[in-house]
């Protein structure tokens, strides 16, 4: 049942959340909602294997579409989803405030240390294919609310981080900066006590993939036989996903230089330590303190296993 409709509409080069205004959610639908490069595809792969009870690789964008992305045929995809008889899963990079909130839809938020996410996003943006960039340009120029081509990413990772921090010297900004990252995570933090919201962290998936997958399975109400379970856990490892990338991310060949191999880059943390200066880290820490609650900051940088369970009684 609908608790509240979307409270805002997001319109950017990547996103138009007005598609949700008329989308008919069903009880049991699963929404994976994250900032970019925080473990979105990883979590979608896990959800896909749980729903299908199989480790076979399937095309993630087809099986679990990013419906509010502007560069996909939104209405066509929505019509296809309406005909599905199996349980559905979707993806969004929009804040919970820009999505309808239902009490019988499951929302999985995946977080990551923002500094790690930015380094991964740097690889992402600096490897956009010319065709994708041209499409984003067209979206921006055709939309009077934007009226600008898509801002190109700086080729230097530190400059990219400064742009993400919204340092005026490194503008113009794209649509996934610090502001959007923190807004999305705040929107989930404020609603995290709801039983149909699950907070997952990239660090925890790396440290205890089996345990985090069990949390996701329990949240989704899915039971898997133990012999098959071990197979699913193995298939959710980074090396296995890299191996199967082309069979899961066919659209990446058109969107990224190097295709799926570029999209699934390294899967590592800490790359920012050799890139950012003390001043960069000080500015980041100041932004973190001023824009999000202390408990959320600890959760973003540490995850559940380090910072504790992100629920009101433990936060």
C-alpha atoms as a PDB file:
ATOM      1  CA  UNK A   1       0.000   0.000   0.000  1.00  0.00           C
ATOM      2  CA  UNK A   2       1.200   3.507  -0.813  1.00  0.00           C
ATOM      3  CA  UNK A   3       2.434   5.376   2.262  1.00  0.00           C
ATOM      4  CA  UNK A   4       3.238   8.556   0.345  1.00  0.00           C
ATOM      5  CA  UNK A   5       3.886   9.549  -3.268  1.00  0.00           C
ATOM      6  CA  UNK A   6       7.228  10.937  -4.368  1.00  0.00           C
ATOM      7  CA  UNK A   7       7.907  14.255  -2.645  1.00  0.00           C
ATOM      8  CA  UNK A   8      10.056  15.684  -5.429  1.00  0.00           C
ATOM      9  CA  UNK A   9      11.008  15.118  -9.059  1.00  0.00           C
ATOM     10  CA  UNK A  10      14.634  14.766 -10.106  1.00  0.00           C
ATOM     11  CA  UNK A  11      15.465  15.818 -13.679  1.00  0.00           C
ATOM     12  CA  UNK A  12      19.116  15.661 -14.664  1.00  0.00           C
ATOM     13  CA  UNK A  13      21.208  14.407 -17.575  1.00  0.00           C
ATOM     14  CA  UNK A  14      20.881  10.865 -16.216  1.00  0.00           C
ATOM     15  CA  UNK A  15      17.569  10.871 -14.403  1.00  0.00           C
ATOM     16  CA  UNK A  16      13.870  11.682 -14.714  1.00  0.00           C
ATOM     17  CA  UNK A  17      11.919  10.385 -11.736  1.00  0.00           C
ATOM     18  CA  UNK A  18       8.512  11.472 -13.093  1.00  0.00           C
ATOM     19  CA  UNK A  19       8.238   7.922 -14.517  1.00  0.00           C
ATOM     20  CA  UNK A  20       7.399   6.732 -11.002  1.00  0.00           C
ATOM     21  CA  UNK A  21       4.261   8.912 -10.854  1.00  0.00           C
ATOM     22  CA  UNK A  22       2.261   6.430 -12.934  1.00  0.00           C
ATOM     23  CA  UNK A  23       4.233   3.234 -12.338  1.00  0.00           C
ATOM     24  CA  UNK A  24       2.159   0.489 -10.730  1.00  0.00           C
ATOM     25  CA  UNK A  25       4.239  -1.117  -8.001  1.00  0.00           C
ATOM     26  CA  UNK A  26       3.345  -4.587  -6.762  1.00  0.00           C
ATOM     27  CA  UNK A  27       3.672  -6.109  -3.327  1.00  0.00           C
ATOM     28  CA  UNK A  28       7.065  -7.812  -3.128  1.00  0.00           C
ATOM     29  CA  UNK A  29       8.804  -5.609  -5.693  1.00  0.00           C
ATOM     30  CA  UNK A  30      12.458  -5.030  -4.797  1.00  0.00           C
ATOM     31  CA  UNK A  31      14.113  -1.647  -5.309  1.00  0.00           C
ATOM     32  CA  UNK A  32      17.928  -1.426  -5.152  1.00  0.00           C
ATOM     33  CA  UNK A  33      18.590   2.267  -4.513  1.00  0.00           C
ATOM     34  CA  UNK A  34      22.138   3.579  -4.276  1.00  0.00           C
ATOM     35  CA  UNK A  35      24.526   6.360  -5.165  1.00  0.00           C
ATOM     36  CA  UNK A  36      26.610   5.357  -8.194  1.00  0.00           C
ATOM     37  CA  UNK A  37      29.522   2.962  -7.667  1.00  0.00           C
ATOM     38  CA  UNK A  38      28.616   1.827  -4.172  1.00  0.00           C
ATOM     39  CA  UNK A  39      27.876  -1.814  -5.025  1.00  0.00           C
ATOM     40  CA  UNK A  40      24.718  -1.425  -7.109  1.00  0.00           C
ATOM     41  CA  UNK A  41      25.473  -4.061  -9.736  1.00  0.00           C
ATOM     42  CA  UNK A  42      26.898  -6.374  -7.083  1.00  0.00           C
ATOM     43  CA  UNK A  43      23.656  -6.216  -5.101  1.00  0.00           C
ATOM     44  CA  UNK A  44      21.544  -6.588  -8.236  1.00  0.00           C
ATOM     45  CA  UNK A  45      23.504  -9.719  -9.113  1.00  0.00           C
ATOM     46  CA  UNK A  46      22.836 -11.130  -5.648  1.00  0.00           C
ATOM     47  CA  UNK A  47      19.122 -10.313  -5.846  1.00  0.00           C
ATOM     48  CA  UNK A  48      18.944 -11.810  -9.336  1.00  0.00           C
ATOM     49  CA  UNK A  49      20.481 -15.098  -8.215  1.00  0.00           C
ATOM     50  CA  UNK A  50      18.147 -15.253  -5.226  1.00  0.00           C
ATOM     51  CA  UNK A  51      15.052 -14.611  -7.324  1.00  0.00           C
ATOM     52  CA  UNK A  52      16.040 -17.168  -9.979  1.00  0.00           C
ATOM     53  CA  UNK A  53      17.679 -19.613  -7.552  1.00  0.00           C
ATOM     54  CA  UNK A  54      20.477 -19.931 -10.062  1.00  0.00           C
ATOM     55  CA  UNK A  55      24.034 -18.678 -10.520  1.00  0.00           C
ATOM     56  CA  UNK A  56      23.662 -18.451 -14.306  1.00  0.00           C
ATOM     57  CA  UNK A  57      24.573 -14.932 -15.505  1.00  0.00           C
ATOM     58  CA  UNK A  58      21.676 -12.883 -16.884  1.00  0.00           C
ATOM     59  CA  UNK A  59      21.528  -9.406 -18.374  1.00  0.00           C
ATOM     60  CA  UNK A  60      21.098  -7.195 -15.320  1.00  0.00           C
ATOM     61  CA  UNK A  61      19.784  -4.090 -17.078  1.00  0.00           C
ATOM     62  CA  UNK A  62      17.059  -6.209 -18.708  1.00  0.00           C
ATOM     63  CA  UNK A  63      16.184  -8.214 -15.623  1.00  0.00           C
ATOM     64  CA  UNK A  64      16.446  -5.349 -13.123  1.00  0.00           C
ATOM     65  CA  UNK A  65      16.028  -2.125 -15.099  1.00  0.00           C
ATOM     66  CA  UNK A  66      17.091   1.372 -14.129  1.00  0.00           C
ATOM     67  CA  UNK A  67      13.643   2.734 -14.913  1.00  0.00           C
ATOM     68  CA  UNK A  68      14.208   6.390 -14.043  1.00  0.00           C
ATOM     69  CA  UNK A  69      17.275   6.642 -16.297  1.00  0.00           C
ATOM     70  CA  UNK A  70      16.620   9.106 -19.133  1.00  0.00           C
ATOM     71  CA  UNK A  71      18.730   7.291 -21.726  1.00  0.00           C
ATOM     72  CA  UNK A  72      16.515   4.180 -21.728  1.00  0.00           C
ATOM     73  CA  UNK A  73      13.019   3.847 -23.275  1.00  0.00           C
ATOM     74  CA  UNK A  74      11.218   4.355 -19.974  1.00  0.00           C
ATOM     75  CA  UNK A  75       7.642   3.835 -21.155  1.00  0.00           C
ATOM     76  CA  UNK A  76       8.553   0.725 -23.135  1.00  0.00           C
ATOM     77  CA  UNK A  77      10.374  -0.785 -20.158  1.00  0.00           C
ATOM     78  CA  UNK A  78       7.502   0.086 -17.805  1.00  0.00           C
ATOM     79  CA  UNK A  79       5.051  -1.609 -20.170  1.00  0.00           C
ATOM     80  CA  UNK A  80       7.246  -4.715 -20.228  1.00  0.00           C
ATOM     81  CA  UNK A  81       7.431  -4.782 -16.444  1.00  0.00           C
ATOM     82  CA  UNK A  82       3.631  -4.620 -16.292  1.00  0.00           C
ATOM     83  CA  UNK A  83       3.416  -7.925 -18.194  1.00  0.00           C
ATOM     84  CA  UNK A  84       5.863  -9.806 -16.002  1.00  0.00           C
ATOM     85  CA  UNK A  85       4.341 -12.556 -13.920  1.00  0.00           C
ATOM     86  CA  UNK A  86       7.487 -13.239 -11.883  1.00  0.00           C
ATOM     87  CA  UNK A  87       8.690 -11.156  -8.973  1.00  0.00           C
ATOM     88  CA  UNK A  88      10.277  -7.886 -10.074  1.00  0.00           C
ATOM     89  CA  UNK A  89      13.403  -5.971  -9.087  1.00  0.00           C
ATOM     90  CA  UNK A  90      14.399  -2.458 -10.185  1.00  0.00           C
ATOM     91  CA  UNK A  91      17.240  -0.005  -9.665  1.00  0.00           C
ATOM     92  CA  UNK A  92      17.465   3.717  -8.975  1.00  0.00           C
ATOM     93  CA  UNK A  93      20.152   6.265  -8.116  1.00  0.00           C
ATOM     94  CA  UNK A  94      17.532   8.714  -6.804  1.00  0.00           C
ATOM     95  CA  UNK A  95      16.818   9.671  -3.188  1.00  0.00           C
ATOM     96  CA  UNK A  96      13.953   7.934  -1.423  1.00  0.00           C
ATOM     97  CA  UNK A  97      12.137  11.284  -1.362  1.00  0.00           C
ATOM     98  CA  UNK A  98      11.936  11.122  -5.188  1.00  0.00           C
ATOM     99  CA  UNK A  99      10.382   7.631  -5.122  1.00  0.00           C
ATOM    100  CA  UNK A 100       6.918   6.525  -4.022  1.00  0.00           C
ATOM    101  CA  UNK A 101       7.147   4.877  -0.610  1.00  0.00           C
ATOM    102  CA  UNK A 102       5.068   1.718  -0.230  1.00  0.00           C
ATOM    103  CA  UNK A 103       4.855  -0.491   2.831  1.00  0.00           C
ATOM    104  CA  UNK A 104       4.839  -3.704   0.765  1.00  0.00           C
ATOM    105  CA  UNK A 105       7.740  -2.835  -1.569  1.00  0.00           C
ATOM    106  CA  UNK A 106      11.254  -3.717  -0.394  1.00  0.00           C
ATOM    107  CA  UNK A 107      13.951  -1.041  -0.596  1.00  0.00           C
ATOM    108  CA  UNK A 108      17.630  -2.026  -0.382  1.00  0.00           C
ATOM    109  CA  UNK A 109      20.022   0.876   0.095  1.00  0.00           C
ATOM    110  CA  UNK A 110      23.694   0.139  -0.587  1.00  0.00           C
ATOM    111  CA  UNK A 111      26.301   2.527   0.829  1.00  0.00           C
ATOM    112  CA  UNK A 112      30.060   2.872   0.527  1.00  0.00           C
ATOM    113  CA  UNK A 113      32.742   5.152   1.899  1.00  0.00           C
ATOM    114  CA  UNK A 114      32.195   8.230  -0.287  1.00  0.00           C
ATOM    115  CA  UNK A 115      35.924   8.537  -0.997  1.00  0.00           C
ATOM    116  CA  UNK A 116      36.012   5.006  -2.388  1.00  0.00           C
ATOM    117  CA  UNK A 117      32.844   5.579  -4.405  1.00  0.00           C
ATOM    118  CA  UNK A 118      34.303   8.735  -5.955  1.00  0.00           C
ATOM    119  CA  UNK A 119      37.474   6.962  -7.091  1.00  0.00           C
ATOM    120  CA  UNK A 120      35.355   4.253  -8.701  1.00  0.00           C
ATOM    121  CA  UNK A 121      33.103   6.874 -10.257  1.00  0.00           C
ATOM    122  CA  UNK A 122      36.166   8.602 -11.695  1.00  0.00           C
ATOM    123  CA  UNK A 123      36.985   5.435 -13.662  1.00  0.00           C
ATOM    124  CA  UNK A 124      33.336   5.219 -14.680  1.00  0.00           C
ATOM    125  CA  UNK A 125      33.006   8.779 -16.011  1.00  0.00           C
ATOM    126  CA  UNK A 126      36.380   8.989 -17.712  1.00  0.00           C
ATOM    127  CA  UNK A 127      35.546   5.887 -19.743  1.00  0.00           C
ATOM    128  CA  UNK A 128      32.149   6.922 -21.089  1.00  0.00           C
ATOM    129  CA  UNK A 129      31.865   6.062 -24.778  1.00  0.00           C
ATOM    130  CA  UNK A 130      31.426   8.940 -27.221  1.00  0.00           C
ATOM    131  CA  UNK A 131      27.944   7.691 -28.114  1.00  0.00           C
ATOM    132  CA  UNK A 132      26.798   7.838 -24.496  1.00  0.00           C
ATOM    133  CA  UNK A 133      28.285  11.310 -24.003  1.00  0.00           C
ATOM    134  CA  UNK A 134      26.543  12.564 -27.134  1.00  0.00           C
ATOM    135  CA  UNK A 135      23.256  11.191 -25.838  1.00  0.00           C
ATOM    136  CA  UNK A 136      23.692  12.882 -22.464  1.00  0.00           C
ATOM    137  CA  UNK A 137      24.549  16.122 -24.257  1.00  0.00           C
ATOM    138  CA  UNK A 138      21.340  15.894 -26.255  1.00  0.00           C
ATOM    139  CA  UNK A 139      19.258  15.222 -23.152  1.00  0.00           C
ATOM    140  CA  UNK A 140      20.686  18.295 -21.463  1.00  0.00           C
ATOM    141  CA  UNK A 141      20.303  20.582 -24.448  1.00  0.00           C
ATOM    142  CA  UNK A 142      16.718  19.454 -25.121  1.00  0.00           C
ATOM    143  CA  UNK A 143      15.612  19.996 -21.519  1.00  0.00           C
ATOM    144  CA  UNK A 144      15.027  23.676 -20.692  1.00  0.00           C
ATOM    145  CA  UNK A 145      15.542  22.884 -17.014  1.00  0.00           C
ATOM    146  CA  UNK A 146      19.150  21.916 -17.812  1.00  0.00           C
ATOM    147  CA  UNK A 147      19.937  23.692 -21.094  1.00  0.00           C
ATOM    148  CA  UNK A 148      23.546  22.540 -21.125  1.00  0.00           C
ATOM    149  CA  UNK A 149      25.635  19.661 -22.465  1.00  0.00           C
ATOM    150  CA  UNK A 150      26.819  17.036 -20.033  1.00  0.00           C
ATOM    151  CA  UNK A 151      29.924  18.265 -18.123  1.00  0.00           C
ATOM    152  CA  UNK A 152      32.993  16.251 -19.039  1.00  0.00           C
ATOM    153  CA  UNK A 153      34.926  14.617 -16.228  1.00  0.00           C
ATOM    154  CA  UNK A 154      38.399  15.945 -15.399  1.00  0.00           C
ATOM    155  CA  UNK A 155      41.093  13.479 -16.381  1.00  0.00           C
ATOM    156  CA  UNK A 156      42.914  13.860 -13.067  1.00  0.00           C
ATOM    157  CA  UNK A 157      41.435  11.915 -10.113  1.00  0.00           C
ATOM    158  CA  UNK A 158      42.158  14.647  -7.582  1.00  0.00           C
ATOM    159  CA  UNK A 159      40.463  17.255  -9.787  1.00  0.00           C
ATOM    160  CA  UNK A 160      37.530  14.856 -10.152  1.00  0.00           C
ATOM    161  CA  UNK A 161      37.293  14.607  -6.369  1.00  0.00           C
ATOM    162  CA  UNK A 162      37.373  18.417  -6.027  1.00  0.00           C
ATOM    163  CA  UNK A 163      34.533  18.643  -8.537  1.00  0.00           C
ATOM    164  CA  UNK A 164      32.607  16.024  -6.558  1.00  0.00           C
ATOM    165  CA  UNK A 165      33.132  18.264  -3.488  1.00  0.00           C
ATOM    166  CA  UNK A 166      31.535  21.063  -5.539  1.00  0.00           C
ATOM    167  CA  UNK A 167      34.650  23.207  -5.429  1.00  0.00           C
ATOM    168  CA  UNK A 168      33.759  26.182  -7.696  1.00  0.00           C
ATOM    169  CA  UNK A 169      37.209  26.099  -9.268  1.00  0.00           C
ATOM    170  CA  UNK A 170      36.387  22.686 -10.789  1.00  0.00           C
ATOM    171  CA  UNK A 171      32.895  23.373 -12.175  1.00  0.00           C
ATOM    172  CA  UNK A 172      30.675  22.872 -14.025  1.00  0.00           C
ATOM    173  CA  UNK A 173      29.334  19.996 -11.946  1.00  0.00           C
ATOM    174  CA  UNK A 174      27.637  16.843 -13.138  1.00  0.00           C
ATOM    175  CA  UNK A 175      24.552  15.347 -11.495  1.00  0.00           C
ATOM    176  CA  UNK A 176      26.191  12.927  -9.038  1.00  0.00           C
ATOM    177  CA  UNK A 177      28.231  15.121  -6.713  1.00  0.00           C
ATOM    178  CA  UNK A 178      28.588  15.173  -2.947  1.00  0.00           C
ATOM    179  CA  UNK A 179      25.195  16.907  -2.709  1.00  0.00           C
ATOM    180  CA  UNK A 180      23.321  14.087  -4.454  1.00  0.00           C
ATOM    181  CA  UNK A 181      25.287  11.386  -2.618  1.00  0.00           C
ATOM    182  CA  UNK A 182      24.503  12.814   0.801  1.00  0.00           C
ATOM    183  CA  UNK A 183      20.874  13.583  -0.064  1.00  0.00           C
ATOM    184  CA  UNK A 184      20.230   9.981  -1.095  1.00  0.00           C
ATOM    185  CA  UNK A 185      21.878   8.531   1.989  1.00  0.00           C
ATOM    186  CA  UNK A 186      20.112  10.998   4.317  1.00  0.00           C
ATOM    187  CA  UNK A 187      16.766  10.033   2.785  1.00  0.00           C
ATOM    188  CA  UNK A 188      17.313   6.383   3.711  1.00  0.00           C
ATOM    189  CA  UNK A 189      18.864   7.117   7.078  1.00  0.00           C
ATOM    190  CA  UNK A 190      15.740   9.023   8.090  1.00  0.00           C
ATOM    191  CA  UNK A 191      13.485   6.085   7.173  1.00  0.00           C
ATOM    192  CA  UNK A 192      15.766   3.240   8.209  1.00  0.00           C
ATOM    193  CA  UNK A 193      13.502   1.991  11.010  1.00  0.00           C
ATOM    194  CA  UNK A 194      10.915   0.804   8.484  1.00  0.00           C
ATOM    195  CA  UNK A 195      10.825  -3.015   8.217  1.00  0.00           C
ATOM    196  CA  UNK A 196      10.827  -2.844   4.408  1.00  0.00           C
ATOM    197  CA  UNK A 197      14.145  -0.944   4.248  1.00  0.00           C
ATOM    198  CA  UNK A 198      17.474  -2.773   4.392  1.00  0.00           C
ATOM    199  CA  UNK A 199      20.805  -0.964   4.768  1.00  0.00           C
ATOM    200  CA  UNK A 200      23.703  -2.806   3.105  1.00  0.00           C
ATOM    201  CA  UNK A 201      27.325  -1.642   2.945  1.00  0.00           C
ATOM    202  CA  UNK A 202      30.016  -2.360   0.362  1.00  0.00           C
ATOM    203  CA  UNK A 203      32.645  -3.007   3.068  1.00  0.00           C
ATOM    204  CA  UNK A 204      30.437  -5.616   4.710  1.00  0.00           C
ATOM    205  CA  UNK A 205      29.859  -7.376   1.387  1.00  0.00           C
ATOM    206  CA  UNK A 206      33.631  -7.560   0.948  1.00  0.00           C
ATOM    207  CA  UNK A 207      34.306  -8.715   4.513  1.00  0.00           C
ATOM    208  CA  UNK A 208      31.440 -11.196   4.884  1.00  0.00           C
ATOM    209  CA  UNK A 209      29.762 -11.886   1.551  1.00  0.00           C
ATOM    210  CA  UNK A 210      28.013 -14.986   2.862  1.00  0.00           C
ATOM    211  CA  UNK A 211      26.595 -13.164   5.878  1.00  0.00           C
ATOM    212  CA  UNK A 212      25.420 -10.132   3.921  1.00  0.00           C
ATOM    213  CA  UNK A 213      23.822 -12.306   1.275  1.00  0.00           C
ATOM    214  CA  UNK A 214      21.941 -14.120   4.020  1.00  0.00           C
ATOM    215  CA  UNK A 215      20.695 -10.761   5.315  1.00  0.00           C
ATOM    216  CA  UNK A 216      19.485  -9.856   1.822  1.00  0.00           C
ATOM    217  CA  UNK A 217      17.847 -13.258   1.312  1.00  0.00           C
ATOM    218  CA  UNK A 218      16.052 -13.078   4.652  1.00  0.00           C
ATOM    219  CA  UNK A 219      14.894  -9.529   3.911  1.00  0.00           C
ATOM    220  CA  UNK A 220      13.502 -10.653   0.554  1.00  0.00           C
ATOM    221  CA  UNK A 221      11.859 -13.705   2.116  1.00  0.00           C
ATOM    222  CA  UNK A 222      13.829 -16.155  -0.023  1.00  0.00           C
ATOM    223  CA  UNK A 223      15.173 -19.505   1.176  1.00  0.00           C
ATOM    224  CA  UNK A 224      17.935 -21.286  -0.754  1.00  0.00           C
ATOM    225  CA  UNK A 225      19.105 -24.901  -0.231  1.00  0.00           C
ATOM    226  CA  UNK A 226      22.600 -24.989   1.270  1.00  0.00           C
ATOM    227  CA  UNK A 227      24.361 -26.806  -1.610  1.00  0.00           C
ATOM    228  CA  UNK A 228      23.066 -24.161  -4.034  1.00  0.00           C
ATOM    229  CA  UNK A 229      23.800 -21.399  -1.533  1.00  0.00           C
ATOM    230  CA  UNK A 230      27.533 -22.017  -1.665  1.00  0.00           C
ATOM    231  CA  UNK A 231      27.380 -21.785  -5.459  1.00  0.00           C
ATOM    232  CA  UNK A 232      25.561 -18.437  -5.300  1.00  0.00           C
ATOM    233  CA  UNK A 233      28.057 -17.003  -2.822  1.00  0.00           C
ATOM    234  CA  UNK A 234      30.945 -18.030  -5.076  1.00  0.00           C
ATOM    235  CA  UNK A 235      29.251 -16.525  -8.146  1.00  0.00           C
ATOM    236  CA  UNK A 236      28.864 -13.188  -6.318  1.00  0.00           C
ATOM    237  CA  UNK A 237      32.634 -12.826  -5.882  1.00  0.00           C
ATOM    238  CA  UNK A 238      34.354 -10.081  -7.860  1.00  0.00           C
ATOM    239  CA  UNK A 239      36.470 -12.448  -9.963  1.00  0.00           C
ATOM    240  CA  UNK A 240      33.397 -14.449 -10.954  1.00  0.00           C
ATOM    241  CA  UNK A 241      31.446 -11.302 -11.814  1.00  0.00           C
ATOM    242  CA  UNK A 242      34.378  -9.989 -13.859  1.00  0.00           C
ATOM    243  CA  UNK A 243      34.513 -13.303 -15.726  1.00  0.00           C
ATOM    244  CA  UNK A 244      30.781 -13.206 -16.444  1.00  0.00           C
ATOM    245  CA  UNK A 245      30.651  -9.454 -17.069  1.00  0.00           C
ATOM    246  CA  UNK A 246      29.830  -9.607 -20.775  1.00  0.00           C
ATOM    247  CA  UNK A 247      26.915 -11.955 -20.079  1.00  0.00           C
ATOM    248  CA  UNK A 248      25.515  -9.638 -17.416  1.00  0.00           C
ATOM    249  CA  UNK A 249      26.297  -6.176 -18.787  1.00  0.00           C
ATOM    250  CA  UNK A 250      25.728  -6.261 -22.512  1.00  0.00           C
ATOM    251  CA  UNK A 251      24.816  -2.560 -22.619  1.00  0.00           C
ATOM    252  CA  UNK A 252      28.250  -1.710 -21.229  1.00  0.00           C
ATOM    253  CA  UNK A 253      29.767  -2.385 -24.660  1.00  0.00           C
ATOM    254  CA  UNK A 254      27.904   0.623 -26.026  1.00  0.00           C
ATOM    255  CA  UNK A 255      28.269   2.843 -22.971  1.00  0.00           C
ATOM    256  CA  UNK A 256      31.908   2.341 -21.931  1.00  0.00           C
ATOM    257  CA  UNK A 257      35.292   2.154 -23.560  1.00  0.00           C
ATOM    258  CA  UNK A 258      36.316  -1.415 -22.825  1.00  0.00           C
ATOM    259  CA  UNK A 259      32.752  -2.523 -22.105  1.00  0.00           C
ATOM    260  CA  UNK A 260      31.962  -4.663 -19.077  1.00  0.00           C
ATOM    261  CA  UNK A 261      35.646  -5.073 -18.231  1.00  0.00           C
ATOM    262  CA  UNK A 262      35.853  -1.323 -17.639  1.00  0.00           C
ATOM    263  CA  UNK A 263      32.531  -1.152 -15.808  1.00  0.00           C
ATOM    264  CA  UNK A 264      33.642  -3.884 -13.379  1.00  0.00           C
ATOM    265  CA  UNK A 265      36.964  -2.176 -12.747  1.00  0.00           C
ATOM    266  CA  UNK A 266      38.844  -3.242  -9.607  1.00  0.00           C
ATOM    267  CA  UNK A 267      36.388  -3.674  -6.742  1.00  0.00           C
ATOM    268  CA  UNK A 268      38.952  -2.346  -4.258  1.00  0.00           C
ATOM    269  CA  UNK A 269      38.927   0.312  -1.558  1.00  0.00           C
ATOM    270  CA  UNK A 270      41.504   2.857  -0.402  1.00  0.00           C
ATOM    271  CA  UNK A 271      42.645   4.156  -3.784  1.00  0.00           C
ATOM    272  CA  UNK A 272      41.883   7.689  -2.616  1.00  0.00           C
ATOM    273  CA  UNK A 273      44.696   7.559  -0.015  1.00  0.00           C
ATOM    274  CA  UNK A 274      47.377   8.036  -2.662  1.00  0.00           C
ATOM    275  CA  UNK A 275      45.408  10.722  -4.540  1.00  0.00           C
ATOM    276  CA  UNK A 276      43.949  13.162  -2.014  1.00  0.00           C
ATOM    277  CA  UNK A 277      45.899  15.791  -0.090  1.00  0.00           C
ATOM    278  CA  UNK A 278      45.468  16.718   3.563  1.00  0.00           C
ATOM    279  CA  UNK A 279      43.497  19.777   2.465  1.00  0.00           C
ATOM    280  CA  UNK A 280      41.216  17.610   0.323  1.00  0.00           C
ATOM    281  CA  UNK A 281      40.530  15.300   3.237  1.00  0.00           C
ATOM    282  CA  UNK A 282      39.936  18.233   5.587  1.00  0.00           C
ATOM    283  CA  UNK A 283      37.425  19.763   3.185  1.00  0.00           C
ATOM    284  CA  UNK A 284      35.723  16.396   2.774  1.00  0.00           C
ATOM    285  CA  UNK A 285      35.507  15.915   6.544  1.00  0.00           C
ATOM    286  CA  UNK A 286      34.027  19.388   6.982  1.00  0.00           C
ATOM    287  CA  UNK A 287      31.383  18.672   4.343  1.00  0.00           C
ATOM    288  CA  UNK A 288      30.578  15.351   5.966  1.00  0.00           C
ATOM    289  CA  UNK A 289      30.122  16.974   9.387  1.00  0.00           C
ATOM    290  CA  UNK A 290      27.992  19.818   8.074  1.00  0.00           C
ATOM    291  CA  UNK A 291      25.647  17.846   5.828  1.00  0.00           C
ATOM    292  CA  UNK A 292      24.883  14.515   7.461  1.00  0.00           C
ATOM    293  CA  UNK A 293      24.328  13.176  11.004  1.00  0.00           C
ATOM    294  CA  UNK A 294      27.263  11.735  12.904  1.00  0.00           C
ATOM    295  CA  UNK A 295      25.787   8.238  12.945  1.00  0.00           C
ATOM    296  CA  UNK A 296      25.274   8.272   9.194  1.00  0.00           C
ATOM    297  CA  UNK A 297      28.838   9.504   8.641  1.00  0.00           C
ATOM    298  CA  UNK A 298      30.170   6.588  10.688  1.00  0.00           C
ATOM    299  CA  UNK A 299      27.964   4.164   8.770  1.00  0.00           C
ATOM    300  CA  UNK A 300      29.089   5.490   5.387  1.00  0.00           C
ATOM    301  CA  UNK A 301      32.770   5.216   6.200  1.00  0.00           C
ATOM    302  CA  UNK A 302      32.658   1.975   8.194  1.00  0.00           C
ATOM    303  CA  UNK A 303      29.590  -0.111   7.461  1.00  0.00           C
ATOM    304  CA  UNK A 304      27.651  -2.332   9.835  1.00  0.00           C
ATOM    305  CA  UNK A 305      30.524  -4.589  10.884  1.00  0.00           C
ATOM    306  CA  UNK A 306      32.657  -1.599  11.902  1.00  0.00           C
ATOM    307  CA  UNK A 307      30.174   1.123  12.889  1.00  0.00           C
ATOM    308  CA  UNK A 308      27.347  -1.092  14.170  1.00  0.00           C
ATOM    309  CA  UNK A 309      23.854  -1.894  12.990  1.00  0.00           C
ATOM    310  CA  UNK A 310      22.361   1.277  11.467  1.00  0.00           C
ATOM    311  CA  UNK A 311      19.037   1.068  13.268  1.00  0.00           C
ATOM    312  CA  UNK A 312      17.687   3.638  15.766  1.00  0.00           C
ATOM    313  CA  UNK A 313      18.308   1.426  18.772  1.00  0.00           C
ATOM    314  CA  UNK A 314      21.940   0.880  17.795  1.00  0.00           C
ATOM    315  CA  UNK A 315      22.883   4.024  15.837  1.00  0.00           C
END
